[in-house]
Amino acid sequence: MGKVIDLTKSVYEICKKHPEVVDIMKDLGFENITSPGMLNTAGRFMTIPKGAAMKGIPMEKIKEAFAAKGFDLES
């Protein structure tokens, strides 16, 4: 069983628990996640599905990228 990520949690909470998520999200097009302070501000209320909708990134693509790194996404 892979590592499980709860999509109802904020990006901040997920990245604190699984720091490698920052790189996965950056590679998917969430470049701002690496900006100083971004994770501590917007990341505290932003979820992965909300961010995907804002950026126009299909959730299927996100699920595939996370699965390739050993993560299971659940909502």
C-alpha atoms as a PDB file:
ATOM      1  CA  MET A   1       0.000   0.000   0.000  1.00  0.00           C
ATOM      2  CA  GLY A   2       1.341   3.403  -0.938  1.00  0.00           C
ATOM      3  CA  LYS A   3       1.282   6.570   1.090  1.00  0.00           C
ATOM      4  CA  VAL A   4      -2.223   8.007   1.307  1.00  0.00           C
ATOM      5  CA  ILE A   5      -3.009  11.683   0.772  1.00  0.00           C
ATOM      6  CA  ASP A   6      -6.351  13.060   1.920  1.00  0.00           C
ATOM      7  CA  LEU A   7      -7.478  15.568  -0.719  1.00  0.00           C
ATOM      8  CA  THR A   8      -9.674  17.369   1.810  1.00  0.00           C
ATOM      9  CA  LYS A   9      -6.531  18.477   3.697  1.00  0.00           C
ATOM     10  CA  SER A  10      -4.779  21.727   2.835  1.00  0.00           C
ATOM     11  CA  VAL A  11      -1.646  21.750   0.685  1.00  0.00           C
ATOM     12  CA  TYR A  12       0.204  23.031   3.762  1.00  0.00           C
ATOM     13  CA  GLU A  13      -0.850  20.028   5.870  1.00  0.00           C
ATOM     14  CA  ILE A  14      -0.007  17.564   3.105  1.00  0.00           C
ATOM     15  CA  CYS A  15       3.437  19.073   2.465  1.00  0.00           C
ATOM     16  CA  LYS A  16       4.285  19.125   6.168  1.00  0.00           C
ATOM     17  CA  LYS A  17       3.488  15.414   6.407  1.00  0.00           C
ATOM     18  CA  HIS A  18       5.042  14.491   3.032  1.00  0.00           C
ATOM     19  CA  PRO A  19       7.712  17.074   2.040  1.00  0.00           C
ATOM     20  CA  GLU A  20       8.339  15.299  -1.281  1.00  0.00           C
ATOM     21  CA  VAL A  21       4.878  16.451  -2.429  1.00  0.00           C
ATOM     22  CA  VAL A  22       6.333  19.934  -3.048  1.00  0.00           C
ATOM     23  CA  ASP A  23       8.470  18.582  -5.913  1.00  0.00           C
ATOM     24  CA  ILE A  24       5.613  16.543  -7.393  1.00  0.00           C
ATOM     25  CA  MET A  25       3.343  19.584  -7.408  1.00  0.00           C
ATOM     26  CA  LYS A  26       6.049  21.838  -8.829  1.00  0.00           C
ATOM     27  CA  ASP A  27       6.543  19.376 -11.703  1.00  0.00           C
ATOM     28  CA  LEU A  28       2.788  19.403 -12.341  1.00  0.00           C
ATOM     29  CA  GLY A  29       2.780  23.175 -12.848  1.00  0.00           C
ATOM     30  CA  PHE A  30       2.256  24.527  -9.330  1.00  0.00           C
ATOM     31  CA  GLU A  31       5.476  26.582  -9.486  1.00  0.00           C
ATOM     32  CA  ASN A  32       4.356  28.971  -6.754  1.00  0.00           C
ATOM     33  CA  ILE A  33       4.520  26.216  -4.152  1.00  0.00           C
ATOM     34  CA  THR A  34       8.281  26.750  -3.964  1.00  0.00           C
ATOM     35  CA  SER A  35       7.957  30.505  -3.358  1.00  0.00           C
ATOM     36  CA  PRO A  36       8.939  31.560   0.156  1.00  0.00           C
ATOM     37  CA  GLY A  37       5.829  32.065   2.236  1.00  0.00           C
ATOM     38  CA  MET A  38       3.379  30.731  -0.380  1.00  0.00           C
ATOM     39  CA  LEU A  39       2.979  27.402   1.409  1.00  0.00           C
ATOM     40  CA  ASN A  40       2.451  29.230   4.721  1.00  0.00           C
ATOM     41  CA  THR A  41      -0.189  31.593   3.323  1.00  0.00           C
ATOM     42  CA  ALA A  42      -2.289  30.301   0.422  1.00  0.00           C
ATOM     43  CA  GLY A  43      -1.229  26.732   1.171  1.00  0.00           C
ATOM     44  CA  ARG A  44      -3.046  26.822   4.507  1.00  0.00           C
ATOM     45  CA  PHE A  45      -6.479  27.038   2.858  1.00  0.00           C
ATOM     46  CA  MET A  46      -5.818  25.710  -0.655  1.00  0.00           C
ATOM     47  CA  THR A  47      -6.501  22.050  -1.412  1.00  0.00           C
ATOM     48  CA  ILE A  48      -5.023  20.127  -4.327  1.00  0.00           C
ATOM     49  CA  PRO A  49      -8.407  19.924  -6.162  1.00  0.00           C
ATOM     50  CA  LYS A  50      -8.991  23.700  -5.723  1.00  0.00           C
ATOM     51  CA  GLY A  51      -5.491  24.467  -7.009  1.00  0.00           C
ATOM     52  CA  ALA A  52      -5.960  22.101  -9.944  1.00  0.00           C
ATOM     53  CA  ALA A  53      -9.204  23.856 -10.898  1.00  0.00           C
ATOM     54  CA  MET A  54      -7.543  27.283 -10.683  1.00  0.00           C
ATOM     55  CA  LYS A  55      -4.581  26.162 -12.812  1.00  0.00           C
ATOM     56  CA  GLY A  56      -6.686  24.119 -15.260  1.00  0.00           C
ATOM     57  CA  ILE A  57      -4.764  20.925 -14.473  1.00  0.00           C
ATOM     58  CA  PRO A  58      -6.874  17.759 -14.815  1.00  0.00           C
ATOM     59  CA  MET A  59      -7.164  15.741 -11.593  1.00  0.00           C
ATOM     60  CA  GLU A  60      -6.459  12.589 -13.609  1.00  0.00           C
ATOM     61  CA  LYS A  61      -3.014  13.949 -14.497  1.00  0.00           C
ATOM     62  CA  ILE A  62      -2.392  14.778 -10.818  1.00  0.00           C
ATOM     63  CA  LYS A  63      -3.503  11.291  -9.709  1.00  0.00           C
ATOM     64  CA  GLU A  64      -1.147   9.691 -12.255  1.00  0.00           C
ATOM     65  CA  ALA A  65       1.818  11.820 -11.129  1.00  0.00           C
ATOM     66  CA  PHE A  66       1.218  11.014  -7.467  1.00  0.00           C
ATOM     67  CA  ALA A  67       0.684   7.299  -8.206  1.00  0.00           C
ATOM     68  CA  ALA A  68       4.023   7.208 -10.049  1.00  0.00           C
ATOM     69  CA  LYS A  69       5.667   8.411  -6.818  1.00  0.00           C
ATOM     70  CA  GLY A  70       3.872   5.854  -4.633  1.00  0.00           C
ATOM     71  CA  PHE A  71       0.950   7.959  -3.389  1.00  0.00           C
ATOM     72  CA  ASP A  72      -2.736   7.134  -3.288  1.00  0.00           C
ATOM     73  CA  LEU A  73      -5.138  10.093  -3.370  1.00  0.00           C
ATOM     74  CA  GLU A  74      -8.438   9.925  -1.541  1.00  0.00           C
ATOM     75  CA  SER A  75     -11.136  12.487  -0.948  1.00  0.00           C
END
